[in-house]
N, C-alpha and C. Protein backbone atom coordinates (compact mmCIF):
# COMPACT_ATOMS: atom_id res chain seq x y z
N MET A 1 0.68 -0.95 0.14
CA MET A 1 -0.02 0.02 0.06
C MET A 1 1.15 1.29 -0.10
N SER A 2 0.45 2.59 -0.86
CA SER A 2 1.47 3.51 -0.64
C SER A 2 1.12 4.44 0.53
N ALA A 3 1.98 5.45 1.19
CA ALA A 3 2.26 5.91 1.91
C ALA A 3 0.78 7.14 2.07
N VAL A 4 0.33 7.41 3.35
CA VAL A 4 -0.63 8.27 3.30
C VAL A 4 -0.03 9.52 4.29
N GLU A 5 -0.43 10.85 4.42
CA GLU A 5 0.41 11.55 5.10
C GLU A 5 -1.11 12.57 5.69
N PHE A 6 -0.40 12.45 7.13
CA PHE A 6 -1.89 13.38 8.13
C PHE A 6 -0.94 14.30 8.97
N ARG A 7 -0.98 15.66 9.26
CA ARG A 7 -0.15 16.72 9.49
C ARG A 7 0.90 16.24 9.62
N GLY A 8 1.70 16.18 7.95
CA GLY A 8 3.00 16.59 7.85
C GLY A 8 3.85 15.08 7.77
N ARG A 9 3.12 14.07 8.44
CA ARG A 9 4.07 13.27 8.61
C ARG A 9 3.27 12.22 7.89
N ARG A 10 4.14 11.19 6.99
CA ARG A 10 3.69 9.80 6.20
C ARG A 10 3.89 8.67 7.27
N TYR A 11 2.85 7.63 6.55
CA TYR A 11 2.01 6.36 7.39
C TYR A 11 2.06 5.48 6.54
N SER A 12 2.60 4.39 6.71
CA SER A 12 2.39 2.90 6.09
C SER A 12 1.53 2.01 6.71
N LEU A 13 0.71 1.12 6.03
CA LEU A 13 -0.09 0.28 6.77
C LEU A 13 0.11 -1.17 6.33
N TRP A 14 0.33 -1.87 7.53
CA TRP A 14 1.08 -3.33 7.01
C TRP A 14 0.15 -4.40 7.86
N VAL A 15 -0.20 -5.34 7.07
CA VAL A 15 -1.08 -6.53 6.91
C VAL A 15 -0.18 -7.12 7.77
N CYS A 16 -0.45 -7.99 9.32
CA CYS A 16 0.37 -8.88 9.74
C CYS A 16 -0.24 -10.18 10.39
N SER A 17 0.37 -11.29 10.61
CA SER A 17 -0.53 -12.13 11.18
C SER A 17 0.08 -12.56 12.66
N ASP A 18 -0.52 -12.72 13.29
CA ASP A 18 0.12 -13.19 15.20
C ASP A 18 -0.69 -14.71 15.28
N VAL A 19 0.27 -15.68 15.29
CA VAL A 19 -0.20 -16.92 15.18
C VAL A 19 -0.33 -17.66 17.03
N ILE A 20 0.47 -16.83 17.71
CA ILE A 20 0.10 -17.03 19.11
C ILE A 20 -0.75 -16.78 19.59
N GLU A 21 -1.45 -15.09 19.21
CA GLU A 21 -2.59 -14.53 19.46
C GLU A 21 -4.07 -15.40 18.75
N ASP A 22 -3.60 -15.90 17.59
CA ASP A 22 -4.15 -16.18 16.86
C ASP A 22 -5.37 -15.25 16.01
N GLY A 23 -4.69 -14.23 15.59
CA GLY A 23 -4.98 -13.34 14.75
C GLY A 23 -4.58 -12.44 13.86
N VAL A 24 -5.24 -11.60 13.07
CA VAL A 24 -4.48 -10.40 12.20
C VAL A 24 -4.77 -9.29 12.45
N TYR A 25 -3.66 -8.40 12.00
CA TYR A 25 -3.95 -7.11 12.49
C TYR A 25 -3.36 -5.97 11.51
N LEU A 26 -3.83 -5.09 11.35
CA LEU A 26 -3.46 -3.97 10.51
C LEU A 26 -2.40 -2.91 11.39
N GLU A 27 -1.09 -2.83 11.10
CA GLU A 27 -0.01 -1.96 11.37
C GLU A 27 0.25 -0.38 11.08
N VAL A 28 -0.07 0.77 11.83
CA VAL A 28 0.43 1.59 11.43
C VAL A 28 1.72 2.23 11.50
N GLN A 29 3.14 2.49 10.94
CA GLN A 29 3.98 2.88 10.80
C GLN A 29 4.16 4.13 10.31
N ASP A 30 5.07 4.70 11.27
CA ASP A 30 5.57 6.48 10.38
C ASP A 30 6.51 6.33 9.88
N ILE A 31 6.47 6.46 8.73
CA ILE A 31 7.70 6.21 7.91
C ILE A 31 8.43 7.80 7.77
N THR A 32 7.63 8.58 8.55
CA THR A 32 8.77 10.01 8.01
C THR A 32 10.38 10.03 7.79
N GLU A 33 10.45 9.77 9.09
CA GLU A 33 12.15 9.19 9.00
C GLU A 33 12.45 7.78 9.49
N GLU A 34 13.68 7.69 9.32
CA GLU A 34 14.43 6.23 9.91
C GLU A 34 14.64 6.44 11.20
N PRO A 35 14.35 5.29 11.90
CA PRO A 35 14.08 4.08 11.61
C PRO A 35 12.26 4.53 11.82
N HIS A 36 11.51 3.80 10.83
CA HIS A 36 10.01 3.05 11.04
C HIS A 36 9.50 2.93 12.36
N VAL A 37 8.50 3.55 12.84
CA VAL A 37 8.11 3.16 13.97
C VAL A 37 6.54 2.82 14.06
N ALA A 38 6.32 1.74 14.58
CA ALA A 38 4.91 1.61 14.71
C ALA A 38 3.99 2.52 15.71
N VAL A 39 3.22 2.96 15.01
CA VAL A 39 1.88 4.05 16.10
C VAL A 39 0.83 3.30 16.34
N ALA A 40 0.15 2.16 16.19
CA ALA A 40 -0.76 1.96 16.32
C ALA A 40 -1.29 0.66 15.65
N ASP A 41 -2.23 -0.09 16.08
CA ASP A 41 -2.62 -1.40 15.28
C ASP A 41 -4.10 -1.45 15.68
N VAL A 42 -4.99 -2.48 14.78
CA VAL A 42 -6.08 -2.96 15.14
C VAL A 42 -6.08 -4.64 14.79
N PHE A 43 -6.38 -5.01 15.95
CA PHE A 43 -5.99 -6.58 16.12
C PHE A 43 -7.58 -7.13 15.82
N TYR A 44 -7.43 -8.04 14.90
CA TYR A 44 -9.04 -8.92 14.60
C TYR A 44 -8.77 -10.24 15.42
N SER A 45 -9.15 -10.85 16.32
CA SER A 45 -9.18 -12.14 17.05
C SER A 45 -9.71 -13.43 16.13
N ASP A 46 -8.96 -14.17 15.49
CA ASP A 46 -9.94 -15.38 15.19
C ASP A 46 -10.82 -16.33 15.85
N GLN A 47 -10.46 -16.32 17.06
CA GLN A 47 -11.41 -16.86 18.23
C GLN A 47 -12.58 -16.15 18.43
N SER A 48 -12.59 -14.89 19.02
CA SER A 48 -13.42 -14.24 19.35
C SER A 48 -14.22 -13.41 18.28
N HIS A 49 -13.42 -13.27 17.22
CA HIS A 49 -14.46 -12.04 16.11
C HIS A 49 -14.39 -10.74 16.77
N ASP A 50 -13.42 -10.37 17.78
CA ASP A 50 -13.43 -9.21 18.68
C ASP A 50 -12.41 -8.03 17.39
N MET A 51 -12.21 -6.98 17.56
CA MET A 51 -11.23 -6.12 16.98
C MET A 51 -10.89 -5.24 17.87
N VAL A 52 -9.27 -5.01 18.25
CA VAL A 52 -9.31 -4.10 19.61
C VAL A 52 -7.72 -2.91 18.76
N PHE A 53 -8.10 -1.91 19.22
CA PHE A 53 -7.16 -0.84 18.84
C PHE A 53 -6.26 -0.65 19.80
N SER A 54 -4.92 -0.21 19.77
CA SER A 54 -3.78 0.07 19.93
C SER A 54 -3.19 1.16 19.64
N ALA A 55 -2.80 2.00 20.49
CA ALA A 55 -1.69 3.08 20.24
C ALA A 55 -0.60 3.18 21.13
N TYR A 56 0.52 3.38 20.12
CA TYR A 56 2.00 2.95 20.63
C TYR A 56 2.41 4.55 20.87
N ARG A 57 2.09 5.59 20.70
CA ARG A 57 2.31 6.85 20.66
C ARG A 57 1.51 7.88 20.88
N LYS A 58 1.54 8.72 21.97
CA LYS A 58 0.52 9.89 22.10
C LYS A 58 0.16 10.88 20.90
N ASN A 59 -0.55 11.38 21.28
CA ASN A 59 -1.29 12.32 20.27
C ASN A 59 -0.95 12.36 18.92
N LEU A 60 -1.78 11.28 18.51
CA LEU A 60 -2.09 10.62 17.09
C LEU A 60 -2.79 11.44 16.54
N PRO A 61 -2.77 11.89 15.54
CA PRO A 61 -3.97 12.76 14.58
C PRO A 61 -5.16 11.82 14.74
N LEU A 62 -6.38 12.26 15.09
CA LEU A 62 -7.46 11.58 14.93
C LEU A 62 -7.79 11.29 13.39
N GLU A 63 -7.44 11.71 12.41
CA GLU A 63 -7.62 11.33 11.02
C GLU A 63 -6.96 10.53 11.16
N LEU A 64 -5.66 9.81 11.54
CA LEU A 64 -5.02 8.82 11.20
C LEU A 64 -5.66 7.75 11.70
N VAL A 65 -6.13 7.72 13.22
CA VAL A 65 -6.85 6.70 13.96
C VAL A 65 -8.52 6.43 13.01
N GLU A 66 -8.91 7.30 12.65
CA GLU A 66 -9.96 6.90 11.94
C GLU A 66 -10.17 6.55 10.83
N TRP A 67 -8.76 6.58 10.01
CA TRP A 67 -8.37 6.01 8.85
C TRP A 67 -8.15 4.61 8.73
N LEU A 68 -7.37 4.20 9.96
CA LEU A 68 -7.21 2.79 10.43
C LEU A 68 -8.26 2.40 10.78
N ILE A 69 -9.05 2.72 11.51
CA ILE A 69 -10.41 1.86 11.91
C ILE A 69 -11.25 1.82 10.81
N GLN A 70 -11.32 2.71 9.72
CA GLN A 70 -11.85 2.34 8.45
C GLN A 70 -11.58 1.49 8.17
N GLU A 71 -10.15 0.98 7.90
CA GLU A 71 -9.17 0.06 6.93
C GLU A 71 -9.85 -1.25 7.94
N ALA A 72 -9.64 -1.03 8.90
CA ALA A 72 -9.64 -2.32 9.46
C ALA A 72 -11.15 -3.07 9.83
N LYS A 73 -11.82 -2.27 9.77
CA LYS A 73 -13.14 -2.65 9.51
C LYS A 73 -13.51 -3.01 7.93
N ALA A 74 -13.27 -2.65 7.08
CA ALA A 74 -13.34 -2.94 5.78
C ALA A 74 -12.69 -4.56 5.50
N ASP A 75 -10.85 -4.15 6.05
CA ASP A 75 -10.04 -5.37 5.34
C ASP A 75 -10.15 -6.67 6.27
N LEU A 76 -9.62 -6.39 8.03
CA LEU A 76 -9.62 -7.23 8.60
C LEU A 76 -10.53 -8.86 8.84
N PRO A 77 -11.76 -8.35 8.99
CA PRO A 77 -12.78 -9.68 8.83
C PRO A 77 -12.59 -10.31 7.52
N LEU A 78 -12.85 -9.76 6.41
CA LEU A 78 -12.64 -10.26 5.29
C LEU A 78 -11.36 -11.24 5.35
N ARG A 79 -9.88 -10.51 5.24
CA ARG A 79 -8.82 -11.02 5.33
C ARG A 79 -8.79 -12.26 6.25
N ALA A 80 -9.20 -12.35 7.27
CA ALA A 80 -9.32 -13.45 8.07
C ALA A 80 -9.89 -15.12 7.70
N TRP A 81 -11.24 -14.55 6.89
CA TRP A 81 -11.93 -15.55 5.75
C TRP A 81 -11.60 -15.97 5.24
N LYS A 82 -10.50 -15.18 4.30
CA LYS A 82 -10.07 -15.78 3.25
C LYS A 82 -8.91 -16.44 3.88
N ASP A 83 -7.98 -16.14 5.01
CA ASP A 83 -6.98 -16.99 4.93
C ASP A 83 -7.20 -17.95 5.73
N SER A 84 -8.51 -18.42 6.23
CA SER A 84 -8.92 -19.83 6.59
C SER A 84 -9.68 -20.35 5.86
N GLY A 85 -9.79 -19.74 4.78
CA GLY A 85 -11.15 -20.49 3.45
C GLY A 85 -11.89 -20.53 3.86
N THR A 86 -12.58 -19.86 4.87
CA THR A 86 -14.10 -19.78 5.40
C THR A 86 -14.71 -18.75 4.06
N THR A 87 -15.79 -19.27 3.62
CA THR A 87 -16.57 -17.96 3.01
C THR A 87 -18.00 -17.50 3.81
N THR A 88 -18.35 -16.16 3.08
CA THR A 88 -19.72 -16.14 3.66
C THR A 88 -20.57 -15.23 2.87
N ALA A 89 -21.46 -15.42 3.14
CA ALA A 89 -22.79 -14.58 2.25
C ALA A 89 -22.48 -12.99 2.26
N SER A 90 -22.71 -12.61 0.78
CA SER A 90 -22.39 -11.30 1.22
C SER A 90 -24.05 -10.71 1.00
N SER A 91 -24.11 -9.54 1.72
CA SER A 91 -25.71 -8.93 1.86
C SER A 91 -25.93 -8.05 1.00
């Protein structure tokens, strides 16, 4: 995915899998300067089907948090179902 910018800082989005916690997550990294730093993520549990937001930096732009949550709602459950081979009916 290409970088996005909020308030003069550049961010990238990574899709990651966590076999220990049994789920997938979207991680946002601040790529404005080296080294790139993870600043937030949304984790989707394959067991409970819950999503949890975590921030690793204070004072994140609200627009960045809203963008991450929107991406997670659109992508994480679908990605988890694709990875597991489960299919769902569309509405």
